[in-house]
Amino acid sequence: MDHSNDKRGSGLIVDRRELMAGAAALGLGFSASSARAADAPKKGGTLRLGMEGGSASDSLDPRTYADSIPISYGWQLWNGLVEIGPDNNPVGELAESWEAKPGAKEWVFNIRKGVPFTSGKILDADDVIYSLNMHRGETKSGAKDLMAGISDIKKLGSHQILITLSSGDAGLPSIFADYHILIVPNNFTDWSKPDGTGAFELVTFEPGVRVVTKRKKGDYWKKDRGHFDGVELRYIPDAAARVQALISGQIDAANRLDAKTVSLVMKAPTVNVVRTKGTGNRFAWVALCDTDPYQSNDMRLALKYGIDRQKIIDNVYKGFATLGNDTTVAPSQKYFAKDVPQRPYDPDKAAFHFKKAGMADAKIELQVSEGAFSGATDCAVLYQEAMKKAGITLDVKRVSGDGYWSNVWLKAPFCAVYWGGRPSADNQLAQTFLSNANWNDTHWRRPEFDKRLLEARAELDDAKRGQLYAECQKMISEDGGMVCFAIGDYLDGYSKKVMGAAPHPHYDMCDQRVAEKGWFA
């Protein structure tokens, strides 16, 4: 472990691999906020978060969540059935336990007893069934695709449900860790008055400005969490402004530190940096495969061979990223296709495929915004320079970050996107590449891919399942419309008084649960 925190005036950076190799745990995990033994958790204080990843159009309805800020306040107010543990495996949250019947087409989930909502209502099976059904059928939920394999949900008892699938799925529990699938009371509809089982209740909701919550009266049902008196989450989209606010003590924690300046941040005497290596946001360009000039796979291959991924990682991310290989499955994930060769930068191949596509006069315009991800503009400029060496003109169009996800993404023929980590390769592939996925942002639709993915999901033999997932990734790499060039490290900054902050393989900011997991020294 890096003991730079032992030196006066330097910050601590913690790598997840080091953490898992030997850094030990309290119930909350290793406290990256101190190199010495973590202080025992204690209650009190208001946690001030400064975050990027939200907009003035944010909603309290979890079906609409698409970025970090809504995920953060969602976990403050509600819980899910399942949580992802520090080893990237599902653990029970409101589901106390579960069991699959032979073939994994039927699953029994046992619901935790005695858990109160804000209103005082006690959680039961009806609440869970209603909450899951919000993401099935006629819905615009971002989790609809994940829930598509469920054919029926039945109540077996006051705290037990039976979930029946159209085909077996050995990885079903991980689906319920998705941040959209939050548990609300049966028949709940008034999102302006959140009623959740989370540690906090809503005080102020000003989307685009701030969200304020306070700890509920009485003990949180998770005895080892929920220590802060309250949380003030501030929207600070500018990375430099977030860092300045953190260093000056105006906030206690900041997400998405700029890789270009993080080494300087580490030297600040009041700040610790928590790094989760190679599991962070997938940075990519996505081309609509049903729109000219991107209907031609040769054009798509030209886009993939024409990008110098390593140069972007070295210059924009200063090494705090891993090479991407044109799918959203990261090398750190189980079932990553190791046998699919890493696509290199090859201007000659890019020029060859561009010429073969027969569209020498095609206009290639890449729409980018810092609202898509920090550094997107710099990445695009380097991409533009790399494409010139292949004789290809790439126009970079900078667009507003405000409303980017509703106005540009899923609509522009070629644009910037980031995909957060999902708990499994299946989740990652299903939400992005299934033909009927709501968030299929390349409009890449291949029946053979759909078939393979469903076969992989139902395959109980682990080796065979891995091979099927590898075949899926190979199909995307060879034919898809995504140019995934880098997988960033999560880089979070914390005041040294914040305890309980640790790397997490799922999302940054302690899986976006630092408000629930942390405490002040």
Protein backbone atom coordinates (compact mmCIF):
# COMPACT_ATOMS: atom_id res chain seq x y z
CA MET A 1 0.00 0.00 0.00
CA ASP A 2 1.13 3.53 -0.73
CA HIS A 3 2.08 5.15 2.56
CA SER A 4 2.33 8.65 1.12
CA ASN A 5 -0.18 9.72 3.76
CA ASP A 6 2.51 9.14 6.35
CA LYS A 7 4.35 12.15 4.91
CA ARG A 8 3.17 15.54 6.04
CA GLY A 9 1.42 17.46 3.26
CA SER A 10 0.75 14.55 0.91
CA GLY A 11 -2.49 12.81 -0.01
CA LEU A 12 -3.22 9.10 0.00
CA ILE A 13 -4.09 7.22 -3.15
CA VAL A 14 -5.56 3.74 -2.78
CA ASP A 15 -5.72 1.15 -5.55
CA ARG A 16 -8.50 -1.45 -5.42
CA ARG A 17 -6.13 -4.30 -6.21
CA GLU A 18 -4.01 -3.36 -3.23
CA LEU A 19 -7.15 -3.04 -1.16
CA MET A 20 -8.37 -6.53 -2.10
CA ALA A 21 -4.92 -8.03 -1.70
CA GLY A 22 -4.65 -7.21 1.92
CA ALA A 23 -6.31 -4.06 3.11
CA ALA A 24 -8.73 -5.19 5.68
CA ALA A 25 -12.18 -4.25 6.53
CA LEU A 26 -14.58 -2.98 8.99
CA GLY A 27 -18.18 -3.61 8.02
CA LEU A 28 -17.89 -0.60 5.72
CA GLY A 29 -14.71 -1.67 4.03
CA PHE A 30 -11.22 -0.19 4.24
CA SER A 31 -11.10 3.50 5.12
CA ALA A 32 -9.05 5.13 2.41
CA SER A 33 -9.18 8.32 4.39
CA SER A 34 -6.44 7.24 6.73
CA ALA A 35 -3.33 5.12 6.47
CA ARG A 36 -3.61 4.23 10.14
CA ALA A 37 -6.37 2.08 11.59
CA ALA A 38 -9.73 3.73 10.88
CA ASP A 39 -11.49 5.41 13.75
CA ALA A 40 -14.68 3.77 14.92
CA PRO A 41 -17.71 5.23 13.09
CA LYS A 42 -19.57 7.95 14.92
CA LYS A 43 -22.64 9.99 14.10
CA GLY A 44 -22.82 13.68 13.30
CA GLY A 45 -22.08 16.41 10.81
CA THR A 46 -23.32 17.30 7.35
CA LEU A 47 -21.51 15.74 4.41
CA ARG A 48 -21.04 18.26 1.59
CA LEU A 49 -20.68 16.60 -1.80
CA GLY A 50 -19.59 18.48 -4.92
CA MET A 51 -20.39 16.43 -7.99
CA GLU A 52 -20.50 16.32 -11.76
CA GLY A 53 -23.10 14.13 -13.43
CA GLY A 54 -26.50 15.77 -13.36
CA SER A 55 -28.59 18.54 -14.88
CA ALA A 56 -31.53 20.85 -14.28
CA SER A 57 -33.80 18.19 -15.76
CA ASP A 58 -32.99 15.61 -13.07
CA SER A 59 -35.95 13.89 -11.43
CA LEU A 60 -36.56 12.00 -8.22
CA ASP A 61 -38.18 9.17 -10.20
CA PRO A 62 -35.47 6.46 -10.38
CA ARG A 63 -36.73 5.23 -13.75
CA THR A 64 -35.21 8.38 -15.25
CA TYR A 65 -31.75 8.19 -13.67
CA ALA A 66 -28.85 8.33 -16.11
CA ASP A 67 -25.92 9.91 -14.26
CA SER A 68 -24.00 10.08 -11.01
CA ILE A 69 -25.88 12.77 -9.08
CA PRO A 70 -29.31 11.09 -9.32
CA ILE A 71 -27.68 7.77 -8.43
CA SER A 72 -26.18 9.37 -5.32
CA TYR A 73 -29.37 10.92 -4.00
CA GLY A 74 -31.31 7.81 -5.01
CA TRP A 75 -29.21 5.66 -2.69
CA GLN A 76 -29.62 8.21 0.09
CA LEU A 77 -33.41 7.98 -0.04
CA TRP A 78 -34.03 4.38 -1.08
CA ASN A 79 -32.50 0.92 -1.11
CA GLY A 80 -32.46 -1.87 -3.66
CA LEU A 81 -33.02 -5.58 -3.32
CA VAL A 82 -29.34 -6.28 -3.91
CA GLU A 83 -26.07 -4.41 -3.44
CA ILE A 84 -22.74 -5.06 -5.14
CA GLY A 85 -20.01 -5.94 -2.66
CA PRO A 86 -16.34 -4.90 -2.80
CA ASP A 87 -15.54 -8.17 -4.61
CA ASN A 88 -18.05 -7.24 -7.37
CA ASN A 89 -20.47 -9.99 -6.31
CA PRO A 90 -24.10 -9.41 -5.32
CA VAL A 91 -24.99 -9.29 -1.62
CA GLY A 92 -28.39 -8.90 -0.04
CA GLU A 93 -29.81 -5.48 0.73
CA LEU A 94 -33.62 -5.50 1.09
CA ALA A 95 -33.48 -9.07 -0.11
CA GLU A 96 -32.12 -11.05 2.81
CA SER A 97 -31.40 -14.14 0.72
CA TRP A 98 -32.32 -15.88 -2.53
CA GLU A 99 -32.20 -19.30 -4.12
CA ALA A 100 -32.50 -20.53 -7.68
CA LYS A 101 -34.40 -23.66 -8.57
CA PRO A 102 -32.70 -26.13 -10.97
CA GLY A 103 -32.27 -24.53 -14.38
CA ALA A 104 -32.30 -21.00 -12.89
CA LYS A 105 -35.68 -20.16 -14.45
CA GLU A 106 -37.33 -19.78 -11.05
CA TRP A 107 -35.91 -17.80 -8.17
CA VAL A 108 -37.20 -17.37 -4.63
CA PHE A 109 -36.27 -14.11 -2.89
CA ASN A 110 -36.70 -13.68 0.86
CA ILE A 111 -37.47 -10.07 1.79
CA ARG A 112 -35.95 -8.54 4.90
CA LYS A 113 -38.39 -8.08 7.79
CA GLY A 114 -38.92 -5.02 9.99
CA VAL A 115 -37.55 -2.42 7.56
CA PRO A 116 -39.48 0.90 7.74
CA PHE A 117 -40.16 3.40 5.00
CA THR A 118 -40.00 7.13 5.78
CA SER A 119 -43.78 7.09 6.20
CA GLY A 120 -43.54 4.38 8.85
CA LYS A 121 -44.91 1.62 6.62
CA ILE A 122 -43.02 -1.66 7.05
CA LEU A 123 -41.54 -3.28 3.94
CA ASP A 124 -43.29 -6.37 2.60
CA ALA A 125 -43.53 -8.48 -0.55
CA ASP A 126 -46.23 -6.30 -2.12
CA ASP A 127 -43.87 -3.31 -2.05
CA VAL A 128 -41.16 -5.29 -3.80
CA ILE A 129 -43.48 -6.67 -6.47
CA TYR A 130 -44.89 -3.22 -7.22
CA SER A 131 -41.40 -1.71 -7.39
CA LEU A 132 -40.07 -4.37 -9.76
CA ASN A 133 -43.10 -4.09 -12.01
CA MET A 134 -42.44 -0.36 -12.49
CA HIS A 135 -39.59 -1.41 -14.77
CA ARG A 136 -41.56 -3.99 -16.80
CA GLY A 137 -44.00 -3.61 -19.64
CA GLU A 138 -44.96 -0.10 -20.77
CA THR A 139 -42.25 1.97 -19.14
CA LYS A 140 -39.37 4.23 -20.14
CA SER A 141 -37.25 2.95 -17.28
CA GLY A 142 -33.56 2.57 -17.95
CA ALA A 143 -33.83 -0.87 -16.33
CA LYS A 144 -36.55 -2.15 -18.68
CA ASP A 145 -34.07 -4.11 -20.76
CA LEU A 146 -32.57 -5.76 -17.69
CA MET A 147 -36.03 -6.88 -16.56
CA ALA A 148 -37.16 -8.13 -19.96
CA GLY A 149 -36.40 -11.77 -19.14
CA ILE A 150 -38.87 -11.82 -16.23
CA SER A 151 -42.16 -13.44 -17.24
CA ASP A 152 -43.89 -13.39 -13.85
CA ILE A 153 -43.52 -12.26 -10.23
CA LYS A 154 -45.67 -13.90 -7.56
CA LYS A 155 -46.11 -13.43 -3.83
CA LEU A 156 -45.39 -16.59 -1.84
CA GLY A 157 -45.80 -15.00 1.57
CA SER A 158 -45.68 -11.66 3.33
CA HIS A 159 -41.90 -11.51 2.83
CA GLN A 160 -41.22 -13.95 0.02
CA ILE A 161 -41.60 -13.73 -3.75
CA LEU A 162 -41.13 -16.09 -6.71
CA ILE A 163 -39.62 -14.68 -9.89
CA THR A 164 -40.11 -16.73 -13.05
CA LEU A 165 -37.96 -16.10 -16.11
CA SER A 166 -38.61 -16.87 -19.76
CA SER A 167 -35.24 -18.65 -19.80
CA GLY A 168 -32.65 -19.47 -17.17
CA ASP A 169 -30.38 -16.73 -15.87
CA ALA A 170 -27.63 -17.75 -13.49
CA GLY A 171 -26.75 -14.10 -12.83
CA LEU A 172 -30.22 -12.76 -12.01
CA PRO A 173 -29.43 -11.26 -8.55
CA SER A 174 -26.95 -8.78 -10.06
CA ILE A 175 -29.75 -7.22 -12.10
CA PHE A 176 -31.43 -6.00 -8.93
CA ALA A 177 -28.36 -3.98 -7.96
CA ASP A 178 -29.13 -1.62 -10.84
CA TYR A 179 -29.58 1.95 -9.58
CA HIS A 180 -32.98 2.34 -11.25
CA ILE A 181 -34.53 -0.54 -9.33
CA LEU A 182 -35.22 1.15 -6.01
CA ILE A 183 -37.89 -0.18 -3.67
CA VAL A 184 -40.90 2.05 -2.95
CA PRO A 185 -44.19 1.35 -1.14
CA ASN A 186 -46.95 -0.48 -2.97
CA ASN A 187 -48.94 1.92 -5.22
CA PHE A 188 -46.52 4.79 -4.57
CA THR A 189 -46.70 7.54 -7.25
CA ASP A 190 -45.87 10.92 -5.66
CA TRP A 191 -42.18 11.37 -6.45
CA SER A 192 -42.20 14.89 -5.02
CA LYS A 193 -42.48 13.26 -1.58
CA PRO A 194 -40.01 10.37 -1.59
CA ASP A 195 -40.92 7.50 0.72
CA GLY A 196 -37.94 5.20 1.00
CA THR A 197 -36.12 2.81 3.29
CA GLY A 198 -32.80 4.67 2.91
CA ALA A 199 -30.89 6.33 5.73
CA PHE A 200 -32.04 9.84 4.77
CA GLU A 201 -35.18 11.78 3.92
CA LEU A 202 -35.53 14.66 1.49
CA VAL A 203 -35.29 18.28 2.63
CA THR A 204 -34.60 20.25 -0.57
CA PHE A 205 -34.62 19.25 -4.22
CA GLU A 206 -33.29 21.87 -6.64
CA PRO A 207 -32.13 19.95 -9.72
CA GLY A 208 -29.10 21.52 -11.31
CA VAL A 209 -28.29 23.34 -8.07
CA ARG A 210 -28.40 21.16 -4.96
CA VAL A 211 -30.15 18.32 -3.16
CA VAL A 212 -30.33 18.29 0.64
CA THR A 213 -31.26 15.33 2.82
CA LYS A 214 -31.28 14.68 6.56
CA ARG A 215 -30.86 11.52 8.60
CA LYS A 216 -34.13 9.99 9.68
CA LYS A 217 -35.08 9.85 13.31
CA GLY A 218 -34.29 6.61 15.07
CA ASP A 219 -31.78 3.97 14.07
CA TYR A 220 -31.17 3.12 10.43
CA TRP A 221 -31.97 -0.53 9.75
CA LYS A 222 -28.35 -0.99 8.66
CA LYS A 223 -26.69 -0.65 12.05
CA ASP A 224 -23.23 0.05 10.61
CA ARG A 225 -24.28 2.80 8.20
CA GLY A 226 -26.09 6.13 8.06
CA HIS A 227 -23.82 8.19 10.33
CA PHE A 228 -24.09 11.72 8.93
CA ASP A 229 -26.77 14.08 10.27
CA GLY A 230 -27.39 15.19 6.72
CA VAL A 231 -26.04 15.50 3.20
CA GLU A 232 -25.82 18.54 0.94
CA LEU A 233 -25.13 17.53 -2.65
CA ARG A 234 -24.06 20.45 -4.84
CA TYR A 235 -23.99 20.42 -8.63
CA ILE A 236 -20.47 21.50 -9.63
CA PRO A 237 -19.98 20.45 -13.27
CA ASP A 238 -16.57 22.12 -13.70
CA ALA A 239 -13.73 19.86 -12.60
CA ALA A 240 -11.42 22.73 -11.61
CA ALA A 241 -14.17 24.32 -9.53
CA ARG A 242 -14.82 21.02 -7.74
CA VAL A 243 -11.17 20.61 -6.87
CA GLN A 244 -10.87 24.20 -5.65
CA ALA A 245 -13.96 23.75 -3.48
CA LEU A 246 -12.49 20.54 -2.04
CA ILE A 247 -9.05 21.95 -1.31
CA SER A 248 -10.48 25.13 0.22
CA GLY A 249 -12.81 23.14 2.46
CA GLN A 250 -16.09 24.30 0.89
CA ILE A 251 -17.02 20.65 0.23
CA ASP A 252 -15.98 17.37 1.83
CA ALA A 253 -15.92 15.14 -1.26
CA ALA A 254 -15.74 15.46 -5.04
CA ASN A 255 -16.14 12.94 -7.85
CA ARG A 256 -14.45 12.68 -11.26
CA LEU A 257 -11.19 14.37 -10.44
CA ASP A 258 -9.34 15.50 -13.55
CA ALA A 259 -6.60 12.99 -14.34
CA LYS A 260 -4.44 15.84 -15.63
CA THR A 261 -4.29 17.52 -12.24
CA VAL A 262 -4.92 14.68 -9.78
CA SER A 263 -1.21 14.37 -8.96
CA LEU A 264 -1.27 17.96 -7.74
CA VAL A 265 -4.46 17.32 -5.76
CA MET A 266 -2.72 14.46 -3.98
CA LYS A 267 -0.19 16.93 -2.59
CA ALA A 268 -2.85 19.03 -0.89
CA PRO A 269 -2.45 18.58 2.90
CA THR A 270 -6.20 18.39 3.51
CA VAL A 271 -7.17 15.93 0.76
CA ASN A 272 -7.06 12.19 0.09
CA VAL A 273 -7.58 10.66 -3.34
CA VAL A 274 -9.26 7.27 -3.78
CA ARG A 275 -8.51 5.48 -7.05
CA THR A 276 -10.33 2.44 -8.43
CA LYS A 277 -8.22 1.19 -11.31
CA GLY A 278 -9.61 0.02 -14.63
CA THR A 279 -13.24 -0.32 -13.59
CA GLY A 280 -14.49 3.19 -14.18
CA ASN A 281 -16.36 4.93 -16.96
CA ARG A 282 -16.13 3.55 -20.47
CA PHE A 283 -15.26 6.49 -22.73
CA ALA A 284 -16.46 6.05 -26.29
CA TRP A 285 -17.74 7.47 -29.54
CA VAL A 286 -20.94 5.86 -30.84
CA ALA A 287 -22.06 5.82 -34.46
CA LEU A 288 -25.62 4.98 -35.52
CA CYS A 289 -25.30 1.84 -37.64
CA ASP A 290 -28.58 2.53 -39.45
CA THR A 291 -27.53 6.03 -40.55
CA ASP A 292 -25.18 7.02 -43.39
CA PRO A 293 -22.25 7.00 -43.60
CA TYR A 294 -22.06 4.55 -40.67
CA GLN A 295 -24.21 1.81 -42.20
CA SER A 296 -21.03 0.51 -43.80
CA ASN A 297 -18.96 -1.67 -41.48
CA ASP A 298 -15.88 -0.57 -43.39
CA MET A 299 -16.64 2.98 -42.30
CA ARG A 300 -17.01 1.78 -38.72
CA LEU A 301 -13.70 -0.09 -38.93
CA ALA A 302 -12.05 3.06 -40.25
CA LEU A 303 -13.30 4.88 -37.14
CA LYS A 304 -11.86 2.14 -34.90
CA TYR A 305 -8.45 1.86 -36.56
CA GLY A 306 -8.15 5.62 -36.88
CA ILE A 307 -7.97 6.42 -33.17
CA ASP A 308 -4.74 6.49 -31.17
CA ARG A 309 -6.07 5.16 -27.88
CA GLN A 310 -2.76 5.10 -26.04
CA LYS A 311 -2.02 8.71 -26.94
CA ILE A 312 -5.36 9.78 -25.49
CA ILE A 313 -4.73 7.78 -22.30
CA ASP A 314 -1.24 9.26 -21.95
CA ASN A 315 -2.18 12.87 -22.71
CA VAL A 316 -5.75 13.32 -21.52
CA TYR A 317 -5.92 10.78 -18.71
CA LYS A 318 -2.23 10.83 -17.72
CA GLY A 319 -2.19 7.05 -17.43
CA PHE A 320 -5.24 6.86 -15.18
CA ALA A 321 -7.11 4.66 -17.65
CA THR A 322 -6.99 1.29 -19.42
CA LEU A 323 -7.21 0.64 -23.15
CA GLY A 324 -10.75 0.08 -24.41
CA ASN A 325 -11.47 -2.45 -27.15
CA ASP A 326 -14.81 -1.28 -28.55
CA THR A 327 -17.20 -2.94 -26.11
CA THR A 328 -18.27 -1.84 -22.64
CA VAL A 329 -16.92 -4.98 -20.94
CA ALA A 330 -13.76 -4.04 -19.04
CA PRO A 331 -10.64 -6.24 -18.68
CA SER A 332 -11.30 -6.25 -14.93
CA GLN A 333 -14.69 -7.96 -15.36
CA LYS A 334 -15.40 -11.65 -15.29
CA TYR A 335 -16.05 -12.99 -18.80
CA PHE A 336 -13.98 -10.28 -20.48
CA ALA A 337 -12.96 -11.67 -23.88
CA LYS A 338 -9.19 -11.92 -23.46
CA ASP A 339 -8.77 -13.67 -26.81
CA VAL A 340 -10.13 -10.74 -28.83
CA PRO A 341 -6.97 -8.87 -29.93
CA GLN A 342 -6.64 -5.30 -28.75
CA ARG A 343 -7.28 -3.11 -31.78
CA PRO A 344 -4.21 -0.93 -32.46
CA TYR A 345 -3.94 2.50 -34.01
CA ASP A 346 -3.32 1.79 -37.70
CA PRO A 347 -3.78 4.74 -40.06
CA ASP A 348 -3.13 2.54 -43.09
CA LYS A 349 -5.93 0.15 -42.16
CA ALA A 350 -8.19 3.09 -41.39
CA ALA A 351 -7.48 4.54 -44.85
CA PHE A 352 -8.02 1.13 -46.47
CA HIS A 353 -11.45 0.62 -44.88
CA PHE A 354 -12.45 4.22 -45.51
CA LYS A 355 -11.67 3.81 -49.20
CA LYS A 356 -13.40 0.41 -49.30
CA ALA A 357 -16.55 2.00 -47.81
CA GLY A 358 -16.76 4.01 -51.03
CA MET A 359 -17.69 7.27 -49.36
CA ALA A 360 -14.73 9.51 -49.97
CA ASP A 361 -16.91 12.60 -49.70
CA ALA A 362 -18.72 11.44 -46.57
CA LYS A 363 -19.02 14.01 -43.82
CA ILE A 364 -17.89 12.65 -40.48
CA GLU A 365 -18.98 14.94 -37.68
CA LEU A 366 -18.37 14.00 -34.07
CA GLN A 367 -20.52 15.83 -31.53
CA VAL A 368 -18.80 16.22 -28.17
CA SER A 369 -19.39 17.98 -24.88
CA GLU A 370 -17.86 18.13 -21.45
CA GLY A 371 -21.39 17.25 -20.40
CA ALA A 372 -20.78 13.83 -21.89
CA PHE A 373 -17.59 13.31 -19.90
CA SER A 374 -14.69 15.44 -18.69
CA GLY A 375 -11.96 15.55 -21.28
CA ALA A 376 -14.27 14.65 -24.16
CA THR A 377 -13.22 17.70 -26.19
CA ASP A 378 -9.49 17.03 -25.76
CA CYS A 379 -10.03 13.38 -26.67
CA ALA A 380 -11.89 14.41 -29.81
CA VAL A 381 -9.14 16.81 -30.90
CA LEU A 382 -6.53 14.05 -30.57
CA TYR A 383 -8.85 11.74 -32.51
CA GLN A 384 -9.14 14.38 -35.23
CA GLU A 385 -5.35 14.61 -35.48
CA ALA A 386 -4.98 10.83 -35.64
CA MET A 387 -7.57 10.54 -38.41
CA LYS A 388 -5.70 13.12 -40.49
CA LYS A 389 -2.79 10.67 -40.76
CA ALA A 390 -5.23 8.27 -42.43
CA GLY A 391 -6.33 10.98 -44.83
CA ILE A 392 -9.74 11.21 -43.16
CA THR A 393 -11.31 14.53 -42.21
CA LEU A 394 -13.12 14.41 -38.88
CA ASP A 395 -15.10 17.49 -37.93
CA VAL A 396 -15.47 18.03 -34.17
CA LYS A 397 -18.62 19.87 -33.15
CA ARG A 398 -18.76 21.10 -29.57
CA VAL A 399 -22.27 21.15 -28.13
CA SER A 400 -23.79 22.26 -24.84
CA GLY A 401 -23.54 19.99 -21.84
CA ASP A 402 -26.94 21.12 -20.61
CA GLY A 403 -29.45 18.54 -21.79
CA TYR A 404 -26.77 16.52 -23.61
CA TRP A 405 -28.30 13.17 -22.67
CA SER A 406 -31.75 14.13 -23.90
CA ASN A 407 -30.81 16.25 -26.93
CA VAL A 408 -27.69 14.62 -28.41
CA TRP A 409 -27.13 11.08 -27.12
CA LEU A 410 -29.30 8.48 -28.90
CA LYS A 411 -30.03 11.09 -31.60
CA ALA A 412 -26.79 12.39 -33.13
CA PRO A 413 -25.30 10.11 -35.83
CA PHE A 414 -21.86 10.19 -34.16
CA CYS A 415 -21.31 11.47 -30.64
CA ALA A 416 -19.51 11.09 -27.32
CA VAL A 417 -20.79 8.83 -24.56
CA TYR A 418 -19.63 7.30 -21.35
CA TRP A 419 -20.99 4.10 -19.89
CA GLY A 420 -20.67 3.41 -16.19
CA GLY A 421 -19.73 -0.02 -14.94
CA ARG A 422 -22.39 -2.67 -14.55
CA PRO A 423 -22.11 -5.54 -12.05
CA SER A 424 -21.78 -8.22 -14.73
CA ALA A 425 -20.79 -8.69 -18.36
CA ASP A 426 -24.37 -9.69 -19.11
CA ASN A 427 -25.77 -6.42 -17.70
CA GLN A 428 -23.13 -4.49 -19.62
CA LEU A 429 -23.91 -6.15 -22.94
CA ALA A 430 -27.69 -6.31 -22.57
CA GLN A 431 -28.27 -2.64 -21.83
CA THR A 432 -26.04 -1.46 -24.65
CA PHE A 433 -26.19 -3.95 -27.50
CA LEU A 434 -29.37 -6.05 -27.47
CA SER A 435 -31.41 -5.22 -30.56
CA ASN A 436 -34.45 -4.06 -28.56
CA ALA A 437 -32.54 -2.29 -25.78
CA ASN A 438 -33.83 1.20 -25.03
CA TRP A 439 -30.25 2.39 -24.63
CA ASN A 440 -28.83 0.71 -27.74
CA ASP A 441 -26.98 3.89 -28.65
CA THR A 442 -25.45 2.53 -31.88
CA HIS A 443 -28.68 1.08 -33.30
CA TRP A 444 -26.60 -2.06 -33.91
CA ARG A 445 -29.10 -4.90 -34.21
CA ARG A 446 -27.96 -8.45 -34.83
CA PRO A 447 -30.31 -11.42 -34.16
CA GLU A 448 -27.33 -13.74 -33.85
CA PHE A 449 -25.88 -11.58 -31.09
CA ASP A 450 -29.21 -11.53 -29.26
CA LYS A 451 -29.38 -15.31 -29.49
CA ARG A 452 -25.84 -15.80 -28.16
CA LEU A 453 -26.38 -13.43 -25.27
CA LEU A 454 -29.55 -15.22 -24.19
CA GLU A 455 -27.76 -18.57 -24.50
CA ALA A 456 -24.92 -17.27 -22.32
CA ARG A 457 -27.36 -16.01 -19.72
CA ALA A 458 -29.05 -19.42 -19.43
CA GLU A 459 -25.84 -21.49 -19.54
CA LEU A 460 -25.00 -22.87 -16.09
CA ASP A 461 -21.61 -24.32 -17.10
CA ASP A 462 -19.24 -21.48 -16.28
CA ALA A 463 -16.66 -22.24 -18.99
CA LYS A 464 -19.30 -22.52 -21.71
CA ARG A 465 -20.96 -19.37 -20.46
CA GLY A 466 -17.68 -17.49 -20.66
CA GLN A 467 -17.12 -18.67 -24.21
CA LEU A 468 -20.55 -17.44 -25.29
CA TYR A 469 -19.96 -14.03 -23.72
CA ALA A 470 -16.58 -13.89 -25.51
CA GLU A 471 -18.29 -14.60 -28.83
CA CYS A 472 -20.71 -11.75 -28.14
CA GLN A 473 -17.85 -9.34 -27.50
CA LYS A 474 -16.05 -10.46 -30.64
CA MET A 475 -19.15 -9.74 -32.73
CA ILE A 476 -19.38 -6.22 -31.34
CA SER A 477 -15.68 -5.54 -31.78
CA GLU A 478 -15.71 -6.68 -35.41
CA ASP A 479 -19.02 -5.20 -36.51
CA GLY A 480 -20.45 -2.80 -33.91
CA GLY A 481 -20.73 0.96 -33.99
CA MET A 482 -18.95 1.74 -30.72
CA VAL A 483 -15.41 3.08 -30.57
CA CYS A 484 -14.64 2.46 -26.89
CA PHE A 485 -11.14 3.85 -26.57
CA ALA A 486 -10.54 3.97 -22.81
CA ILE A 487 -11.82 2.73 -19.48
CA GLY A 488 -11.07 5.33 -16.89
CA ASP A 489 -10.00 4.91 -13.31
CA TYR A 490 -12.44 6.24 -10.78
CA LEU A 491 -10.76 9.19 -9.05
CA ASP A 492 -12.53 10.59 -5.99
CA GLY A 493 -11.31 13.30 -3.66
CA TYR A 494 -12.15 13.50 0.06
CA SER A 495 -11.38 15.76 2.95
CA LYS A 496 -9.11 13.90 5.35
CA LYS A 497 -11.83 14.09 7.97
CA VAL A 498 -14.07 11.80 5.88
CA MET A 499 -13.73 8.18 6.96
CA GLY A 500 -15.08 5.02 5.35
CA ALA A 501 -14.31 6.00 1.76
CA ALA A 502 -12.94 3.06 -0.20
CA PRO A 503 -12.45 1.98 -3.82
CA HIS A 504 -15.35 0.04 -5.28
CA PRO A 505 -15.49 -1.97 -8.52
CA HIS A 506 -19.06 -0.93 -9.39
CA TYR A 507 -19.16 2.88 -9.21
CA ASP A 508 -17.14 5.74 -7.86
CA MET A 509 -17.81 7.46 -4.52
CA CYS A 510 -18.07 4.12 -2.68
CA ASP A 511 -20.54 2.79 -5.27
CA GLN A 512 -22.26 6.20 -4.98
CA ARG A 513 -23.03 5.28 -1.36
CA VAL A 514 -20.48 7.39 0.51
CA ALA A 515 -23.36 9.29 2.15
CA GLU A 516 -24.56 6.03 3.64
CA LYS A 517 -21.17 4.40 4.29
CA GLY A 518 -19.02 7.28 5.51
CA TRP A 519 -18.57 9.29 8.69
CA PHE A 520 -16.44 12.15 10.01
CA ALA A 521 -13.33 11.54 12.08
